[in-house]
PDB file of N, CA and C in Angstrom:
ATOM      1  N   UNK A   1      46.236 -16.167 119.604  1.00  0.00           N
ATOM      2  CA  UNK A   1      47.658 -16.407 119.167  1.00  0.00           C
ATOM      3  C   UNK A   1      47.629 -17.550 118.183  1.00  0.00           C
ATOM      4  N   UNK A   2      48.392 -17.385 117.202  1.00  0.00           N
ATOM      5  CA  UNK A   2      48.565 -18.392 116.097  1.00  0.00           C
ATOM      6  C   UNK A   2      49.974 -19.037 116.270  1.00  0.00           C
ATOM      7  N   UNK A   3      49.982 -20.361 116.449  1.00  0.00           N
ATOM      8  CA  UNK A   3      51.223 -21.092 116.602  1.00  0.00           C
ATOM      9  C   UNK A   3      51.969 -21.168 115.310  1.00  0.00           C
ATOM     10  N   UNK A   4      53.261 -20.872 115.297  1.00  0.00           N
ATOM     11  CA  UNK A   4      54.111 -20.924 114.113  1.00  0.00           C
ATOM     12  C   UNK A   4      54.949 -22.141 114.073  1.00  0.00           C
ATOM     13  N   UNK A   5      55.592 -22.460 115.219  1.00  0.00           N
ATOM     14  CA  UNK A   5      56.327 -23.690 115.357  1.00  0.00           C
ATOM     15  C   UNK A   5      56.420 -24.145 116.790  1.00  0.00           C
ATOM     16  N   UNK A   6      56.697 -25.432 116.919  1.00  0.00           N
ATOM     17  CA  UNK A   6      56.986 -26.003 118.239  1.00  0.00           C
ATOM     18  C   UNK A   6      58.127 -27.001 117.969  1.00  0.00           C
ATOM     19  N   UNK A   7      59.255 -26.797 118.715  1.00  0.00           N
ATOM     20  CA  UNK A   7      60.480 -27.643 118.398  1.00  0.00           C
ATOM     21  C   UNK A   7      61.262 -27.796 119.728  1.00  0.00           C
ATOM     22  N   UNK A   8      61.902 -28.976 119.795  1.00  0.00           N
ATOM     23  CA  UNK A   8      62.894 -29.168 120.798  1.00  0.00           C
ATOM     24  C   UNK A   8      64.254 -28.711 120.351  1.00  0.00           C
ATOM     25  N   UNK A   9      64.835 -27.789 121.099  1.00  0.00           N
ATOM     26  CA  UNK A   9      66.166 -27.228 120.731  1.00  0.00           C
ATOM     27  C   UNK A   9      67.262 -28.238 121.012  1.00  0.00           C
ATOM     28  N   UNK A  10      68.181 -28.368 120.096  1.00  0.00           N
ATOM     29  CA  UNK A  10      69.381 -29.150 120.294  1.00  0.00           C
ATOM     30  C   UNK A  10      70.563 -28.278 120.047  1.00  0.00           C
ATOM     31  N   UNK A  11      71.769 -28.822 120.138  1.00  0.00           N
ATOM     32  CA  UNK A  11      73.012 -28.117 119.932  1.00  0.00           C
ATOM     33  C   UNK A  11      73.124 -27.384 118.597  1.00  0.00           C
ATOM     34  N   UNK A  12      72.550 -27.949 117.543  1.00  0.00           N
ATOM     35  CA  UNK A  12      72.628 -27.321 116.207  1.00  0.00           C
ATOM     36  C   UNK A  12      71.605 -26.246 116.102  1.00  0.00           C
ATOM     37  N   UNK A  13      70.368 -26.455 116.564  1.00  0.00           N
ATOM     38  CA  UNK A  13      69.294 -25.496 116.464  1.00  0.00           C
ATOM     39  C   UNK A  13      69.544 -24.247 117.348  1.00  0.00           C
ATOM     40  N   UNK A  14      70.415 -24.356 118.326  1.00  0.00           N
ATOM     41  CA  UNK A  14      70.708 -23.113 119.110  1.00  0.00           C
ATOM     42  C   UNK A  14      71.531 -22.140 118.285  1.00  0.00           C
ATOM     43  N   UNK A  15      72.219 -22.577 117.234  1.00  0.00           N
ATOM     44  CA  UNK A  15      72.923 -21.677 116.362  1.00  0.00           C
ATOM     45  C   UNK A  15      72.078 -21.145 115.259  1.00  0.00           C
ATOM     46  N   UNK A  16      71.269 -21.998 114.662  1.00  0.00           N
ATOM     47  CA  UNK A  16      70.350 -21.629 113.592  1.00  0.00           C
ATOM     48  C   UNK A  16      69.153 -22.591 113.625  1.00  0.00           C
ATOM     49  N   UNK A  17      67.931 -22.134 113.731  1.00  0.00           N
ATOM     50  CA  UNK A  17      66.802 -22.994 113.714  1.00  0.00           C
ATOM     51  C   UNK A  17      66.139 -22.887 112.403  1.00  0.00           C
ATOM     52  N   UNK A  18      66.010 -23.965 111.685  1.00  0.00           N
ATOM     53  CA  UNK A  18      65.338 -24.087 110.411  1.00  0.00           C
ATOM     54  C   UNK A  18      64.026 -24.801 110.662  1.00  0.00           C
ATOM     55  N   UNK A  19      62.942 -24.237 110.087  1.00  0.00           N
ATOM     56  CA  UNK A  19      61.592 -24.828 110.337  1.00  0.00           C
ATOM     57  C   UNK A  19      60.712 -24.548 109.105  1.00  0.00           C
ATOM     58  N   UNK A  20      59.587 -25.333 109.016  1.00  0.00           N
ATOM     59  CA  UNK A  20      58.582 -25.183 107.980  1.00  0.00           C
ATOM     60  C   UNK A  20      57.388 -24.463 108.526  1.00  0.00           C
ATOM     61  N   UNK A  21      56.887 -23.494 107.816  1.00  0.00           N
ATOM     62  CA  UNK A  21      55.645 -22.806 108.202  1.00  0.00           C
ATOM     63  C   UNK A  21      54.926 -22.291 106.890  1.00  0.00           C
ATOM     64  N   UNK A  22      53.672 -22.651 106.773  1.00  0.00           N
ATOM     65  CA  UNK A  22      52.936 -22.223 105.590  1.00  0.00           C
ATOM     66  C   UNK A  22      51.746 -21.391 105.921  1.00  0.00           C
ATOM     67  N   UNK A  23      51.641 -20.848 107.102  1.00  0.00           N
ATOM     68  CA  UNK A  23      50.442 -20.083 107.467  1.00  0.00           C
ATOM     69  C   UNK A  23      50.448 -18.599 107.126  1.00  0.00           C
ATOM     70  N   UNK A  24      51.602 -18.078 106.532  1.00  0.00           N
ATOM     71  CA  UNK A  24      51.615 -16.709 106.133  1.00  0.00           C
ATOM     72  C   UNK A  24      51.855 -15.728 107.306  1.00  0.00           C
ATOM     73  N   UNK A  25      52.232 -16.171 108.445  1.00  0.00           N
ATOM     74  CA  UNK A  25      52.359 -15.307 109.607  1.00  0.00           C
ATOM     75  C   UNK A  25      53.795 -14.721 109.700  1.00  0.00           C
ATOM     76  N   UNK A  26      54.677 -15.091 108.760  1.00  0.00           N
ATOM     77  CA  UNK A  26      56.074 -14.604 108.814  1.00  0.00           C
ATOM     78  C   UNK A  26      56.356 -13.813 107.600  1.00  0.00           C
ATOM     79  N   UNK A  27      57.264 -12.767 107.738  1.00  0.00           N
ATOM     80  CA  UNK A  27      57.609 -11.991 106.586  1.00  0.00           C
ATOM     81  C   UNK A  27      58.548 -12.724 105.659  1.00  0.00           C
ATOM     82  N   UNK A  28      58.429 -12.480 104.352  1.00  0.00           N
ATOM     83  CA  UNK A  28      59.326 -13.052 103.401  1.00  0.00           C
ATOM     84  C   UNK A  28      60.611 -12.242 103.374  1.00  0.00           C
ATOM     85  N   UNK A  29      61.691 -12.842 102.848  1.00  0.00           N
ATOM     86  CA  UNK A  29      62.978 -12.186 102.812  1.00  0.00           C
ATOM     87  C   UNK A  29      63.699 -12.379 104.089  1.00  0.00           C
ATOM     88  N   UNK A  30      64.554 -11.462 104.400  1.00  0.00           N
ATOM     89  CA  UNK A  30      65.352 -11.508 105.635  1.00  0.00           C
ATOM     90  C   UNK A  30      65.012 -10.263 106.478  1.00  0.00           C
ATOM     91  N   UNK A  31      64.535 -10.500 107.709  1.00  0.00           N
ATOM     92  CA  UNK A  31      64.023  -9.403 108.521  1.00  0.00           C
ATOM     93  C   UNK A  31      64.419  -9.647 109.950  1.00  0.00           C
ATOM     94  N   UNK A  32      64.453  -8.586 110.753  1.00  0.00           N
ATOM     95  CA  UNK A  32      64.545  -8.639 112.210  1.00  0.00           C
ATOM     96  C   UNK A  32      63.076  -8.948 112.727  1.00  0.00           C
ATOM     97  N   UNK A  33      62.937  -9.980 113.392  1.00  0.00           N
ATOM     98  CA  UNK A  33      61.601 -10.433 113.902  1.00  0.00           C
ATOM     99  C   UNK A  33      61.506 -10.006 115.399  1.00  0.00           C
ATOM    100  N   UNK A  34      60.573  -9.123 115.697  1.00  0.00           N
ATOM    101  CA  UNK A  34      60.440  -8.673 117.060  1.00  0.00           C
ATOM    102  C   UNK A  34      59.736  -9.754 117.910  1.00  0.00           C
ATOM    103  N   UNK A  35      60.377 -10.232 118.937  1.00  0.00           N
ATOM    104  CA  UNK A  35      59.840 -11.417 119.779  1.00  0.00           C
ATOM    105  C   UNK A  35      59.866 -10.987 121.220  1.00  0.00           C
ATOM    106  N   UNK A  36      58.854 -11.352 121.938  1.00  0.00           N
ATOM    107  CA  UNK A  36      58.784 -11.198 123.368  1.00  0.00           C
ATOM    108  C   UNK A  36      58.705 -12.511 124.075  1.00  0.00           C
ATOM    109  N   UNK A  37      59.565 -12.744 125.105  1.00  0.00           N
ATOM    110  CA  UNK A  37      59.525 -14.037 125.805  1.00  0.00           C
ATOM    111  C   UNK A  37      58.522 -13.953 126.941  1.00  0.00           C
ATOM    112  N   UNK A  38      58.337 -15.064 127.598  1.00  0.00           N
ATOM    113  CA  UNK A  38      57.243 -15.164 128.661  1.00  0.00           C
ATOM    114  C   UNK A  38      57.587 -14.284 129.903  1.00  0.00           C
ATOM    115  N   UNK A  39      58.846 -13.799 129.951  1.00  0.00           N
ATOM    116  CA  UNK A  39      59.193 -12.870 131.045  1.00  0.00           C
ATOM    117  C   UNK A  39      59.016 -11.393 130.664  1.00  0.00           C
ATOM    118  N   UNK A  40      58.643 -11.177 129.417  1.00  0.00           N
ATOM    119  CA  UNK A  40      58.401  -9.810 128.962  1.00  0.00           C
ATOM    120  C   UNK A  40      59.626  -9.155 128.312  1.00  0.00           C
ATOM    121  N   UNK A  41      60.728  -9.942 128.231  1.00  0.00           N
ATOM    122  CA  UNK A  41      61.949  -9.398 127.561  1.00  0.00           C
ATOM    123  C   UNK A  41      61.793  -9.426 126.029  1.00  0.00           C
ATOM    124  N   UNK A  42      62.249  -8.369 125.391  1.00  0.00           N
ATOM    125  CA  UNK A  42      62.161  -8.219 123.947  1.00  0.00           C
ATOM    126  C   UNK A  42      63.450  -8.701 123.284  1.00  0.00           C
ATOM    127  N   UNK A  43      63.319  -9.338 122.165  1.00  0.00           N
ATOM    128  CA  UNK A  43      64.387  -9.870 121.355  1.00  0.00           C
ATOM    129  C   UNK A  43      64.205  -9.448 119.887  1.00  0.00           C
ATOM    130  N   UNK A  44      65.272  -9.500 119.179  1.00  0.00           N
ATOM    131  CA  UNK A  44      65.160  -9.346 117.690  1.00  0.00           C
ATOM    132  C   UNK A  44      65.949 -10.492 117.117  1.00  0.00           C
ATOM    133  N   UNK A  45      65.197 -11.466 116.488  1.00  0.00           N
ATOM    134  CA  UNK A  45      65.831 -12.627 115.862  1.00  0.00           C
ATOM    135  C   UNK A  45      65.879 -12.346 114.379  1.00  0.00           C
ATOM    136  N   UNK A  46      66.959 -12.700 113.703  1.00  0.00           N
ATOM    137  CA  UNK A  46      67.021 -12.653 112.261  1.00  0.00           C
ATOM    138  C   UNK A  46      66.122 -13.766 111.735  1.00  0.00           C
ATOM    139  N   UNK A  47      65.093 -13.392 110.974  1.00  0.00           N
ATOM    140  CA  UNK A  47      64.202 -14.426 110.346  1.00  0.00           C
ATOM    141  C   UNK A  47      64.386 -14.320 108.885  1.00  0.00           C
ATOM    142  N   UNK A  48      64.744 -15.475 108.269  1.00  0.00           N
ATOM    143  CA  UNK A  48      65.007 -15.500 106.824  1.00  0.00           C
ATOM    144  C   UNK A  48      64.129 -16.556 106.219  1.00  0.00           C
ATOM    145  N   UNK A  49      63.515 -16.161 105.052  1.00  0.00           N
ATOM    146  CA  UNK A  49      62.748 -17.018 104.230  1.00  0.00           C
ATOM    147  C   UNK A  49      63.676 -17.769 103.414  1.00  0.00           C
ATOM    148  N   UNK A  50      63.677 -19.136 103.485  1.00  0.00           N
ATOM    149  CA  UNK A  50      64.627 -19.948 102.724  1.00  0.00           C
ATOM    150  C   UNK A  50      64.055 -20.684 101.543  1.00  0.00           C
ATOM    151  N   UNK A  51      62.807 -20.371 101.181  1.00  0.00           N
ATOM    152  CA  UNK A  51      62.118 -20.925 100.034  1.00  0.00           C
ATOM    153  C   UNK A  51      61.365 -22.184 100.412  1.00  0.00           C
ATOM    154  N   UNK A  52      60.266 -22.432  99.698  1.00  0.00           N
ATOM    155  CA  UNK A  52      59.461 -23.625  99.892  1.00  0.00           C
ATOM    156  C   UNK A  52      58.800 -23.672 101.273  1.00  0.00           C
ATOM    157  N   UNK A  53      58.411 -22.510 101.756  1.00  0.00           N
ATOM    158  CA  UNK A  53      57.819 -22.358 103.096  1.00  0.00           C
ATOM    159  C   UNK A  53      58.725 -22.746 104.236  1.00  0.00           C
ATOM    160  N   UNK A  54      60.028 -22.748 103.998  1.00  0.00           N
ATOM    161  CA  UNK A  54      61.040 -22.941 105.076  1.00  0.00           C
ATOM    162  C   UNK A  54      61.589 -21.614 105.470  1.00  0.00           C
ATOM    163  N   UNK A  55      61.833 -21.426 106.769  1.00  0.00           N
ATOM    164  CA  UNK A  55      62.369 -20.272 107.394  1.00  0.00           C
ATOM    165  C   UNK A  55      63.491 -20.615 108.335  1.00  0.00           C
ATOM    166  N   UNK A  56      64.288 -19.662 108.678  1.00  0.00           N
ATOM    167  CA  UNK A  56      65.260 -19.887 109.754  1.00  0.00           C
ATOM    168  C   UNK A  56      65.307 -18.704 110.729  1.00  0.00           C
ATOM    169  N   UNK A  57      65.674 -19.000 111.947  1.00  0.00           N
ATOM    170  CA  UNK A  57      65.956 -17.971 112.971  1.00  0.00           C
ATOM    171  C   UNK A  57      67.425 -18.061 113.280  1.00  0.00           C
ATOM    172  N   UNK A  58      68.117 -16.975 113.345  1.00  0.00           N
ATOM    173  CA  UNK A  58      69.565 -16.983 113.645  1.00  0.00           C
ATOM    174  C   UNK A  58      69.929 -15.597 114.215  1.00  0.00           C
ATOM    175  N   UNK A  59      71.234 -15.338 114.272  1.00  0.00           N
ATOM    176  CA  UNK A  59      71.694 -14.030 114.713  1.00  0.00           C
ATOM    177  C   UNK A  59      72.142 -14.122 116.197  1.00  0.00           C
ATOM    178  N   UNK A  60      72.770 -13.014 116.622  1.00  0.00           N
ATOM    179  CA  UNK A  60      73.309 -12.925 117.947  1.00  0.00           C
ATOM    180  C   UNK A  60      72.256 -13.104 119.036  1.00  0.00           C
ATOM    181  N   UNK A  61      71.109 -12.428 118.840  1.00  0.00           N
ATOM    182  CA  UNK A  61      70.091 -12.495 119.903  1.00  0.00           C
ATOM    183  C   UNK A  61      69.415 -13.846 119.896  1.00  0.00           C
ATOM    184  N   UNK A  62      69.267 -14.489 118.744  1.00  0.00           N
ATOM    185  CA  UNK A  62      68.772 -15.911 118.787  1.00  0.00           C
ATOM    186  C   UNK A  62      69.726 -16.790 119.555  1.00  0.00           C
ATOM    187  N   UNK A  63      70.999 -16.744 119.276  1.00  0.00           N
ATOM    188  CA  UNK A  63      71.966 -17.552 120.011  1.00  0.00           C
ATOM    189  C   UNK A  63      71.970 -17.323 121.461  1.00  0.00           C
ATOM    190  N   UNK A  64      71.850 -15.990 121.850  1.00  0.00           N
ATOM    191  CA  UNK A  64      71.805 -15.693 123.268  1.00  0.00           C
ATOM    192  C   UNK A  64      70.577 -16.258 123.958  1.00  0.00           C
ATOM    193  N   UNK A  65      69.413 -16.182 123.241  1.00  0.00           N
ATOM    194  CA  UNK A  65      68.173 -16.740 123.809  1.00  0.00           C
ATOM    195  C   UNK A  65      68.305 -18.283 123.890  1.00  0.00           C
ATOM    196  N   UNK A  66      68.779 -18.955 122.875  1.00  0.00           N
ATOM    197  CA  UNK A  66      68.696 -20.372 122.693  1.00  0.00           C
ATOM    198  C   UNK A  66      69.775 -21.173 123.558  1.00  0.00           C
ATOM    199  N   UNK A  67      70.869 -20.474 123.849  1.00  0.00           N
ATOM    200  CA  UNK A  67      72.018 -21.209 124.442  1.00  0.00           C
ATOM    201  C   UNK A  67      71.667 -21.856 125.765  1.00  0.00           C
ATOM    202  N   UNK A  68      70.795 -21.311 126.508  1.00  0.00           N
ATOM    203  CA  UNK A  68      70.420 -21.887 127.794  1.00  0.00           C
ATOM    204  C   UNK A  68      69.112 -22.769 127.707  1.00  0.00           C
ATOM    205  N   UNK A  69      68.720 -22.922 126.460  1.00  0.00           N
ATOM    206  CA  UNK A  69      67.381 -23.703 126.346  1.00  0.00           C
ATOM    207  C   UNK A  69      67.554 -24.994 125.555  1.00  0.00           C
ATOM    208  N   UNK A  70      68.767 -25.472 125.450  1.00  0.00           N
ATOM    209  CA  UNK A  70      68.956 -26.771 124.758  1.00  0.00           C
ATOM    210  C   UNK A  70      68.215 -27.871 125.503  1.00  0.00           C
ATOM    211  N   UNK A  71      67.522 -28.685 124.783  1.00  0.00           N
ATOM    212  CA  UNK A  71      66.668 -29.800 125.251  1.00  0.00           C
ATOM    213  C   UNK A  71      65.350 -29.321 125.817  1.00  0.00           C
ATOM    214  N   UNK A  72      65.008 -28.094 125.578  1.00  0.00           N
ATOM    215  CA  UNK A  72      63.684 -27.556 125.974  1.00  0.00           C
ATOM    216  C   UNK A  72      62.765 -27.475 124.778  1.00  0.00           C
ATOM    217  N   UNK A  73      61.436 -27.494 125.023  1.00  0.00           N
ATOM    218  CA  UNK A  73      60.457 -27.322 123.933  1.00  0.00           C
ATOM    219  C   UNK A  73      60.194 -25.805 123.780  1.00  0.00           C
ATOM    220  N   UNK A  74      60.400 -25.306 122.603  1.00  0.00           N
ATOM    221  CA  UNK A  74      60.240 -23.890 122.312  1.00  0.00           C
ATOM    222  C   UNK A  74      59.132 -23.715 121.334  1.00  0.00           C
ATOM    223  N   UNK A  75      58.210 -22.807 121.620  1.00  0.00           N
ATOM    224  CA  UNK A  75      56.990 -22.572 120.792  1.00  0.00           C
ATOM    225  C   UNK A  75      56.958 -21.077 120.378  1.00  0.00           C
ATOM    226  N   UNK A  76      56.817 -20.777 119.092  1.00  0.00           N
ATOM    227  CA  UNK A  76      56.669 -19.381 118.721  1.00  0.00           C
ATOM    228  C   UNK A  76      55.281 -19.123 118.231  1.00  0.00           C
ATOM    229  N   UNK A  77      54.724 -18.039 118.694  1.00  0.00           N
ATOM    230  CA  UNK A  77      53.340 -17.690 118.344  1.00  0.00           C
ATOM    231  C   UNK A  77      53.355 -16.210 117.755  1.00  0.00           C
ATOM    232  N   UNK A  78      52.349 -15.930 116.964  1.00  0.00           N
ATOM    233  CA  UNK A  78      52.160 -14.552 116.414  1.00  0.00           C
ATOM    234  C   UNK A  78      50.904 -14.037 117.119  1.00  0.00           C
ATOM    235  N   UNK A  79      51.091 -12.854 117.742  1.00  0.00           N
ATOM    236  CA  UNK A  79      49.897 -12.190 118.358  1.00  0.00           C
ATOM    237  C   UNK A  79      49.061 -11.599 117.242  1.00  0.00           C
ATOM    238  N   UNK A  80      47.745 -11.918 117.327  1.00  0.00           N
ATOM    239  CA  UNK A  80      46.856 -11.548 116.194  1.00  0.00           C
ATOM    240  C   UNK A  80      46.717 -10.076 116.113  1.00  0.00           C
ATOM    241  N   UNK A  81      46.654  -9.289 117.141  1.00  0.00           N
ATOM    242  CA  UNK A  81      46.390  -7.913 117.118  1.00  0.00           C
ATOM    243  C   UNK A  81      47.600  -7.042 117.270  1.00  0.00           C
ATOM    244  N   UNK A  82      48.787  -7.642 117.263  1.00  0.00           N
ATOM    245  CA  UNK A  82      50.017  -6.835 117.448  1.00  0.00           C
ATOM    246  C   UNK A  82      51.029  -7.283 116.421  1.00  0.00           C
ATOM    247  N   UNK A  83      52.024  -6.514 116.147  1.00  0.00           N
ATOM    248  CA  UNK A  83      53.073  -6.865 115.241  1.00  0.00           C
ATOM    249  C   UNK A  83      54.246  -7.328 115.980  1.00  0.00           C
ATOM    250  N   UNK A  84      54.027  -8.284 116.885  1.00  0.00           N
ATOM    251  CA  UNK A  84      55.095  -8.875 117.709  1.00  0.00           C
ATOM    252  C   UNK A  84      54.728 -10.375 117.871  1.00  0.00           C
ATOM    253  N   UNK A  85      55.808 -11.136 118.091  1.00  0.00           N
ATOM    254  CA  UNK A  85      55.686 -12.598 118.278  1.00  0.00           C
ATOM    255  C   UNK A  85      56.008 -12.902 119.697  1.00  0.00           C
ATOM    256  N   UNK A  86      55.464 -13.991 120.177  1.00  0.00           N
ATOM    257  CA  UNK A  86      55.704 -14.441 121.587  1.00  0.00           C
ATOM    258  C   UNK A  86      56.352 -15.783 121.510  1.00  0.00           C
ATOM    259  N   UNK A  87      57.410 -16.000 122.324  1.00  0.00           N
ATOM    260  CA  UNK A  87      58.104 -17.291 122.377  1.00  0.00           C
ATOM    261  C   UNK A  87      57.989 -17.880 123.734  1.00  0.00           C
ATOM    262  N   UNK A  88      57.650 -19.174 123.877  1.00  0.00           N
ATOM    263  CA  UNK A  88      57.469 -19.801 125.166  1.00  0.00           C
ATOM    264  C   UNK A  88      58.368 -20.991 125.236  1.00  0.00           C
ATOM    265  N   UNK A  89      58.833 -21.214 126.431  1.00  0.00           N
ATOM    266  CA  UNK A  89      59.739 -22.364 126.660  1.00  0.00           C
ATOM    267  C   UNK A  89      59.060 -23.320 127.672  1.00  0.00           C
ATOM    268  N   UNK A  90      59.107 -24.636 127.361  1.00  0.00           N
ATOM    269  CA  UNK A  90      58.522 -25.609 128.271  1.00  0.00           C
ATOM    270  C   UNK A  90      59.458 -26.762 128.403  1.00  0.00           C
ATOM    271  N   UNK A  91      59.167 -27.695 129.269  1.00  0.00           N
ATOM    272  CA  UNK A  91      60.002 -28.857 129.441  1.00  0.00           C
ATOM    273  C   UNK A  91      59.653 -29.917 128.384  1.00  0.00           C
ATOM    274  N   UNK A  92      60.635 -30.642 127.987  1.00  0.00           N
ATOM    275  CA  UNK A  92      60.500 -31.707 126.953  1.00  0.00           C
ATOM    276  C   UNK A  92      60.452 -33.014 127.692  1.00  0.00           C
TER     277      UNK A  92
END
């Protein structure tokens, strides 16, 4: 698994998470990003390239996922052999 970001969610990031990534593991433009959480639930987050290797996650499913995770450490990974991403939540 390749780590894309690790961040502590706050009240603002639960609405829209903006982050830097230069590893080429994310699609350019605006796309639905297929994500699986540690419980096996599937999500589709809106992933948007914002230029300069900055990206954002937003949309209804992102907000639904993030609302109960404020003040938690969230890490997104790309599965090397699949076209899906994994998101994990830990204590901060």
